[in-house]
């Protein structure tokens, strides 16, 4: 076991169950930032070229236990037409607020949804504002 693994486990043992879940969520978020599509799930194919007509969002219901990381995954599934690299800075900033400033999950999810909706409206503008 590496020194980092030991330190993480020691810190994890001192946290409440809710804080442990937050730490794991944040770690999974950081893992998701690596690779070609920073917000996509591992193994997901690359984005296809822009269609001639705008793509409508897909109806993806939030899970009952949805936290910010699951919300990002849901929003990526809802808005697959959006470029994840353009969303990265804003989603990273919002996630930082959650874990550094201890912002409530509900507020973080609302902010994430607003970011994705704003990017979708910009996407629609490229097709003449449909």
N, C-alpha and C. Protein backbone atom coordinates (compact mmCIF):
# COMPACT_ATOMS: atom_id res chain seq x y z
N UNK A 1 0.85 -1.17 0.00
CA UNK A 1 0.00 0.00 0.00
C UNK A 1 0.90 1.24 0.00
N UNK A 2 0.55 2.19 -0.88
CA UNK A 2 1.36 3.40 -0.98
C UNK A 2 1.07 4.34 0.19
N UNK A 3 1.93 5.34 0.35
CA UNK A 3 1.73 6.34 1.40
C UNK A 3 0.42 7.09 1.21
N UNK A 4 0.08 7.40 -0.04
CA UNK A 4 -1.17 8.10 -0.33
C UNK A 4 -2.38 7.24 0.06
N UNK A 5 -2.32 5.97 -0.26
CA UNK A 5 -3.42 5.07 0.10
C UNK A 5 -3.60 5.00 1.62
N UNK A 6 -2.50 4.94 2.33
CA UNK A 6 -2.55 4.91 3.80
C UNK A 6 -3.18 6.20 4.34
N UNK A 7 -2.77 7.33 3.78
CA UNK A 7 -3.29 8.61 4.25
C UNK A 7 -4.78 8.75 3.96
N UNK A 8 -5.20 8.31 2.77
CA UNK A 8 -6.62 8.37 2.41
C UNK A 8 -7.44 7.49 3.35
N UNK A 9 -6.97 6.28 3.59
CA UNK A 9 -7.70 5.38 4.49
C UNK A 9 -7.77 5.94 5.91
N UNK A 10 -6.69 6.52 6.40
CA UNK A 10 -6.67 7.10 7.74
C UNK A 10 -7.67 8.26 7.82
N UNK A 11 -7.70 9.10 6.79
CA UNK A 11 -8.64 10.22 6.77
C UNK A 11 -10.07 9.71 6.66
N UNK A 12 -10.29 8.71 5.83
CA UNK A 12 -11.62 8.15 5.64
C UNK A 12 -12.20 7.62 6.94
N UNK A 13 -11.37 6.99 7.74
CA UNK A 13 -11.83 6.42 9.02
C UNK A 13 -12.27 7.50 10.00
N UNK A 14 -11.76 8.71 9.86
CA UNK A 14 -12.11 9.80 10.78
C UNK A 14 -13.34 10.58 10.34
N UNK A 15 -13.87 10.29 9.17
CA UNK A 15 -15.01 11.03 8.65
C UNK A 15 -16.34 10.35 8.98
N UNK A 16 -17.39 11.16 9.00
CA UNK A 16 -18.74 10.61 9.17
C UNK A 16 -19.11 9.83 7.91
N UNK A 17 -20.19 9.07 7.98
CA UNK A 17 -20.61 8.29 6.82
C UNK A 17 -20.93 9.20 5.64
N UNK A 18 -21.61 10.32 5.90
CA UNK A 18 -21.94 11.26 4.84
C UNK A 18 -20.67 11.85 4.22
N UNK A 19 -19.71 12.21 5.06
CA UNK A 19 -18.45 12.75 4.55
C UNK A 19 -17.67 11.71 3.76
N UNK A 20 -17.74 10.45 4.19
CA UNK A 20 -17.08 9.38 3.45
C UNK A 20 -17.67 9.26 2.05
N UNK A 21 -19.00 9.33 1.96
CA UNK A 21 -19.67 9.26 0.67
C UNK A 21 -19.25 10.43 -0.21
N UNK A 22 -19.16 11.63 0.38
CA UNK A 22 -18.73 12.81 -0.36
C UNK A 22 -17.31 12.65 -0.89
N UNK A 23 -16.44 12.10 -0.06
CA UNK A 23 -15.05 11.90 -0.48
C UNK A 23 -14.98 10.92 -1.65
N UNK A 24 -15.74 9.84 -1.57
CA UNK A 24 -15.76 8.86 -2.66
C UNK A 24 -16.34 9.50 -3.92
N UNK A 25 -17.43 10.27 -3.78
CA UNK A 25 -18.01 10.96 -4.93
C UNK A 25 -16.99 11.88 -5.58
N UNK A 26 -16.27 12.62 -4.76
CA UNK A 26 -15.28 13.55 -5.30
C UNK A 26 -14.14 12.79 -5.99
N UNK A 27 -13.71 11.70 -5.39
CA UNK A 27 -12.65 10.90 -6.01
C UNK A 27 -13.11 10.37 -7.36
N UNK A 28 -14.37 9.90 -7.43
CA UNK A 28 -14.90 9.40 -8.70
C UNK A 28 -15.00 10.53 -9.71
N UNK A 29 -15.36 11.72 -9.26
CA UNK A 29 -15.40 12.88 -10.14
C UNK A 29 -14.02 13.16 -10.73
N UNK A 30 -13.01 13.14 -9.87
CA UNK A 30 -11.64 13.39 -10.34
C UNK A 30 -11.19 12.33 -11.33
N UNK A 31 -11.54 11.08 -11.08
CA UNK A 31 -11.18 10.00 -12.00
C UNK A 31 -11.85 10.24 -13.34
N UNK A 32 -13.09 10.71 -13.33
CA UNK A 32 -13.83 10.98 -14.56
C UNK A 32 -13.24 12.10 -15.38
N UNK A 33 -12.40 12.95 -14.77
CA UNK A 33 -11.80 14.07 -15.49
C UNK A 33 -10.66 13.63 -16.38
N UNK A 34 -10.13 12.43 -16.20
CA UNK A 34 -9.03 11.96 -17.02
C UNK A 34 -9.56 11.33 -18.29
N UNK A 35 -8.82 11.38 -19.34
CA UNK A 35 -9.24 10.76 -20.59
C UNK A 35 -9.69 11.79 -21.61
N UNK A 36 -10.13 11.31 -22.78
CA UNK A 36 -10.50 12.19 -23.88
C UNK A 36 -11.75 13.01 -23.63
N UNK A 37 -12.78 12.43 -23.03
CA UNK A 37 -14.03 13.14 -22.77
C UNK A 37 -14.14 13.25 -21.26
N UNK A 38 -13.77 14.38 -20.66
CA UNK A 38 -13.61 14.49 -19.23
C UNK A 38 -14.82 14.14 -18.40
N UNK A 39 -16.02 14.31 -18.91
CA UNK A 39 -17.21 14.03 -18.11
C UNK A 39 -17.91 12.75 -18.53
N UNK A 40 -17.40 12.08 -19.54
CA UNK A 40 -18.06 10.88 -20.03
C UNK A 40 -17.68 9.67 -19.19
N UNK A 41 -18.53 8.66 -19.23
CA UNK A 41 -18.23 7.41 -18.54
C UNK A 41 -17.16 6.65 -19.32
N UNK A 42 -16.40 5.85 -18.62
CA UNK A 42 -15.35 5.07 -19.27
C UNK A 42 -15.98 4.16 -20.32
N UNK A 43 -15.33 4.06 -21.45
CA UNK A 43 -15.81 3.18 -22.50
C UNK A 43 -16.86 3.80 -23.41
N UNK A 44 -17.32 5.02 -23.11
CA UNK A 44 -18.31 5.68 -23.94
C UNK A 44 -17.63 6.14 -25.23
N UNK A 45 -18.29 5.94 -26.37
CA UNK A 45 -17.67 6.34 -27.63
C UNK A 45 -17.50 7.85 -27.74
N UNK A 46 -16.60 8.27 -28.62
CA UNK A 46 -16.36 9.70 -28.84
C UNK A 46 -17.61 10.34 -29.41
N UNK A 47 -17.71 11.66 -29.25
CA UNK A 47 -18.86 12.41 -29.75
C UNK A 47 -18.88 12.37 -31.29
N UNK A 48 -20.08 12.12 -31.89
CA UNK A 48 -20.17 12.17 -33.35
C UNK A 48 -20.15 13.62 -33.82
N UNK A 49 -19.94 13.84 -35.12
CA UNK A 49 -19.95 15.21 -35.63
C UNK A 49 -21.34 15.83 -35.44
N UNK A 50 -21.37 17.18 -35.47
CA UNK A 50 -22.62 17.92 -35.29
C UNK A 50 -23.65 17.50 -36.34
N UNK A 51 -24.91 17.23 -35.94
CA UNK A 51 -25.94 16.90 -36.92
C UNK A 51 -26.43 18.18 -37.62
N UNK A 52 -27.13 18.00 -38.76
CA UNK A 52 -27.67 19.14 -39.50
C UNK A 52 -28.82 19.78 -38.73
N UNK A 53 -29.53 19.02 -37.94
CA UNK A 53 -30.63 19.51 -37.11
C UNK A 53 -30.22 19.36 -35.64
N UNK A 54 -30.71 20.26 -34.78
CA UNK A 54 -30.34 20.12 -33.37
C UNK A 54 -30.93 18.85 -32.76
N UNK A 55 -30.16 18.27 -31.89
CA UNK A 55 -30.59 17.06 -31.19
C UNK A 55 -31.34 17.48 -29.92
N UNK A 56 -32.47 16.85 -29.66
CA UNK A 56 -33.26 17.16 -28.47
C UNK A 56 -32.67 16.44 -27.26
N UNK A 57 -32.81 17.03 -26.08
CA UNK A 57 -32.34 16.34 -24.87
C UNK A 57 -33.10 15.03 -24.68
N UNK A 58 -32.45 14.07 -24.08
CA UNK A 58 -33.07 12.78 -23.79
C UNK A 58 -33.65 12.84 -22.37
N UNK A 59 -34.78 12.22 -22.17
CA UNK A 59 -35.42 12.21 -20.86
C UNK A 59 -34.72 11.18 -19.97
N UNK A 60 -33.96 11.67 -19.00
CA UNK A 60 -33.26 10.79 -18.05
C UNK A 60 -33.67 11.25 -16.66
N UNK A 61 -34.35 10.40 -15.94
CA UNK A 61 -34.84 10.74 -14.60
C UNK A 61 -33.70 10.65 -13.59
N UNK A 62 -33.67 11.56 -12.62
CA UNK A 62 -32.65 11.47 -11.57
C UNK A 62 -32.91 10.28 -10.66
N UNK A 63 -31.84 9.68 -10.18
CA UNK A 63 -31.95 8.57 -9.23
C UNK A 63 -32.40 9.12 -7.88
N UNK A 64 -33.05 8.30 -7.09
CA UNK A 64 -33.54 8.73 -5.78
C UNK A 64 -32.39 9.19 -4.89
N UNK A 65 -31.24 8.55 -5.01
CA UNK A 65 -30.08 8.89 -4.17
C UNK A 65 -29.05 9.75 -4.93
N UNK A 66 -29.54 10.52 -5.90
CA UNK A 66 -28.62 11.27 -6.76
C UNK A 66 -27.86 12.34 -6.00
N UNK A 67 -26.54 12.29 -6.14
CA UNK A 67 -25.66 13.32 -5.64
C UNK A 67 -25.09 14.07 -6.84
N UNK A 68 -24.20 15.01 -6.61
CA UNK A 68 -23.65 15.78 -7.73
C UNK A 68 -22.95 14.96 -8.80
N UNK A 69 -22.21 13.94 -8.42
CA UNK A 69 -21.50 13.13 -9.42
C UNK A 69 -22.51 12.38 -10.29
N UNK A 70 -23.52 11.79 -9.66
CA UNK A 70 -24.55 11.10 -10.45
C UNK A 70 -25.34 12.09 -11.29
N UNK A 71 -25.51 13.31 -10.79
CA UNK A 71 -26.22 14.33 -11.55
C UNK A 71 -25.44 14.67 -12.83
N UNK A 72 -24.12 14.78 -12.72
CA UNK A 72 -23.31 15.05 -13.91
C UNK A 72 -23.46 13.91 -14.91
N UNK A 73 -23.44 12.68 -14.44
CA UNK A 73 -23.61 11.54 -15.35
C UNK A 73 -24.99 11.58 -16.01
N UNK A 74 -26.03 11.93 -15.22
CA UNK A 74 -27.38 12.03 -15.76
C UNK A 74 -27.46 13.16 -16.80
N UNK A 75 -26.87 14.29 -16.48
CA UNK A 75 -26.91 15.42 -17.40
C UNK A 75 -26.13 15.14 -18.67
N UNK A 76 -25.03 14.40 -18.58
CA UNK A 76 -24.28 13.99 -19.77
C UNK A 76 -25.13 13.07 -20.64
N UNK A 77 -25.93 12.20 -20.00
CA UNK A 77 -26.82 11.32 -20.76
C UNK A 77 -28.00 12.11 -21.34
N UNK A 78 -28.45 13.13 -20.64
CA UNK A 78 -29.55 13.96 -21.10
C UNK A 78 -29.13 14.84 -22.27
N UNK A 79 -27.91 15.35 -22.20
CA UNK A 79 -27.39 16.27 -23.22
C UNK A 79 -26.13 15.70 -23.89
N UNK A 80 -26.25 14.56 -24.59
CA UNK A 80 -25.05 13.96 -25.19
C UNK A 80 -24.47 14.80 -26.32
N UNK A 81 -25.26 15.76 -26.83
CA UNK A 81 -24.79 16.58 -27.94
C UNK A 81 -23.82 17.68 -27.51
N UNK A 82 -23.72 17.91 -26.19
CA UNK A 82 -22.85 18.98 -25.70
C UNK A 82 -21.40 18.51 -25.59
N UNK A 83 -20.49 19.42 -25.85
CA UNK A 83 -19.06 19.15 -25.77
C UNK A 83 -18.63 19.18 -24.31
N UNK A 84 -18.24 18.05 -23.76
CA UNK A 84 -17.87 17.95 -22.35
C UNK A 84 -16.69 18.84 -21.99
N UNK A 85 -15.79 19.06 -22.93
CA UNK A 85 -14.63 19.90 -22.62
C UNK A 85 -15.05 21.34 -22.37
N UNK A 86 -16.13 21.78 -23.01
CA UNK A 86 -16.62 23.15 -22.79
C UNK A 86 -17.33 23.27 -21.44
N UNK A 87 -17.76 22.17 -20.87
CA UNK A 87 -18.45 22.16 -19.58
C UNK A 87 -17.50 21.96 -18.41
N UNK A 88 -16.29 21.52 -18.70
CA UNK A 88 -15.36 21.09 -17.65
C UNK A 88 -15.05 22.17 -16.62
N UNK A 89 -14.69 23.36 -17.05
CA UNK A 89 -14.33 24.41 -16.09
C UNK A 89 -15.47 24.72 -15.14
N UNK A 90 -16.66 24.90 -15.69
CA UNK A 90 -17.80 25.24 -14.84
C UNK A 90 -18.20 24.11 -13.90
N UNK A 91 -18.22 22.88 -14.40
CA UNK A 91 -18.60 21.77 -13.53
C UNK A 91 -17.55 21.54 -12.45
N UNK A 92 -16.29 21.72 -12.78
CA UNK A 92 -15.23 21.59 -11.79
C UNK A 92 -15.38 22.65 -10.70
N UNK A 93 -15.67 23.87 -11.10
CA UNK A 93 -15.86 24.95 -10.14
C UNK A 93 -17.04 24.67 -9.22
N UNK A 94 -18.12 24.19 -9.78
CA UNK A 94 -19.32 23.88 -8.98
C UNK A 94 -19.03 22.73 -8.02
N UNK A 95 -18.33 21.71 -8.51
CA UNK A 95 -18.00 20.57 -7.65
C UNK A 95 -17.07 21.02 -6.52
N UNK A 96 -16.18 21.94 -6.79
CA UNK A 96 -15.29 22.46 -5.76
C UNK A 96 -16.09 23.14 -4.66
N UNK A 97 -17.11 23.89 -5.04
CA UNK A 97 -17.96 24.53 -4.05
C UNK A 97 -18.60 23.50 -3.13
N UNK A 98 -18.98 22.38 -3.71
CA UNK A 98 -19.62 21.33 -2.93
C UNK A 98 -18.67 20.80 -1.86
N UNK A 99 -17.47 20.51 -2.25
CA UNK A 99 -16.56 19.82 -1.36
C UNK A 99 -15.67 20.76 -0.54
N UNK A 100 -15.39 21.92 -1.06
CA UNK A 100 -14.52 22.85 -0.32
C UNK A 100 -15.35 23.79 0.55
N UNK A 101 -16.46 24.28 -0.01
CA UNK A 101 -17.30 25.22 0.74
C UNK A 101 -18.48 24.53 1.41
N UNK A 102 -18.57 23.21 1.28
CA UNK A 102 -19.65 22.41 1.88
C UNK A 102 -21.03 22.92 1.46
N UNK A 103 -21.16 23.23 0.19
CA UNK A 103 -22.44 23.70 -0.36
C UNK A 103 -23.40 22.52 -0.42
N UNK A 104 -24.68 22.72 -0.07
CA UNK A 104 -25.65 21.60 -0.08
C UNK A 104 -25.78 20.96 -1.46
N UNK A 105 -25.96 19.63 -1.46
CA UNK A 105 -26.04 18.88 -2.71
C UNK A 105 -27.14 19.41 -3.63
N UNK A 106 -28.30 19.73 -3.06
CA UNK A 106 -29.40 20.21 -3.88
C UNK A 106 -29.05 21.47 -4.65
N UNK A 107 -28.36 22.39 -4.00
CA UNK A 107 -27.95 23.63 -4.67
C UNK A 107 -26.92 23.35 -5.76
N UNK A 108 -26.02 22.43 -5.48
CA UNK A 108 -24.99 22.08 -6.46
C UNK A 108 -25.64 21.45 -7.69
N UNK A 109 -26.59 20.56 -7.47
CA UNK A 109 -27.27 19.91 -8.59
C UNK A 109 -28.05 20.94 -9.40
N UNK A 110 -28.71 21.88 -8.74
CA UNK A 110 -29.43 22.94 -9.46
C UNK A 110 -28.47 23.76 -10.31
N UNK A 111 -27.31 24.08 -9.77
CA UNK A 111 -26.30 24.84 -10.53
C UNK A 111 -25.83 24.04 -11.74
N UNK A 112 -25.57 22.75 -11.53
CA UNK A 112 -25.13 21.90 -12.63
C UNK A 112 -26.19 21.85 -13.72
N UNK A 113 -27.46 21.68 -13.33
CA UNK A 113 -28.54 21.64 -14.32
C UNK A 113 -28.62 22.95 -15.10
N UNK A 114 -28.45 24.07 -14.41
CA UNK A 114 -28.48 25.38 -15.07
C UNK A 114 -27.35 25.52 -16.08
N UNK A 115 -26.17 25.03 -15.73
CA UNK A 115 -25.02 25.09 -16.64
C UNK A 115 -25.31 24.28 -17.89
N UNK A 116 -25.80 23.06 -17.71
CA UNK A 116 -26.08 22.21 -18.87
C UNK A 116 -27.18 22.82 -19.73
N UNK A 117 -28.22 23.38 -19.11
CA UNK A 117 -29.31 24.01 -19.87
C UNK A 117 -28.80 25.22 -20.65
N UNK A 118 -27.93 26.03 -20.02
CA UNK A 118 -27.37 27.20 -20.70
C UNK A 118 -26.53 26.77 -21.90
N UNK A 119 -25.72 25.74 -21.72
CA UNK A 119 -24.91 25.25 -22.83
C UNK A 119 -25.80 24.66 -23.93
N UNK A 120 -26.91 24.06 -23.55
CA UNK A 120 -27.83 23.52 -24.56
C UNK A 120 -28.47 24.66 -25.36
N UNK A 121 -28.86 25.74 -24.68
CA UNK A 121 -29.43 26.90 -25.39
C UNK A 121 -28.40 27.47 -26.38
N UNK A 122 -27.13 27.53 -25.96
CA UNK A 122 -26.08 28.00 -26.86
C UNK A 122 -25.94 27.04 -28.05
N UNK A 123 -26.03 25.76 -27.80
CA UNK A 123 -25.99 24.75 -28.85
C UNK A 123 -27.13 25.00 -29.85
N UNK A 124 -28.34 25.28 -29.33
CA UNK A 124 -29.49 25.55 -30.21
C UNK A 124 -29.27 26.81 -31.04
N UNK A 125 -28.62 27.79 -30.47
CA UNK A 125 -28.34 29.04 -31.21
C UNK A 125 -27.53 28.79 -32.47
N UNK A 126 -26.71 27.75 -32.46
CA UNK A 126 -25.92 27.42 -33.64
C UNK A 126 -26.79 26.94 -34.80
N UNK A 127 -28.03 26.56 -34.49
CA UNK A 127 -28.97 26.08 -35.51
C UNK A 127 -30.04 27.13 -35.82
N UNK A 128 -29.82 28.33 -35.39
CA UNK A 128 -30.79 29.38 -35.66
C UNK A 128 -31.78 29.60 -34.54
N UNK A 129 -31.46 29.09 -33.31
CA UNK A 129 -32.28 29.36 -32.15
C UNK A 129 -33.51 28.50 -31.99
N UNK A 130 -33.53 27.30 -32.56
CA UNK A 130 -34.71 26.41 -32.42
C UNK A 130 -35.03 26.14 -30.98
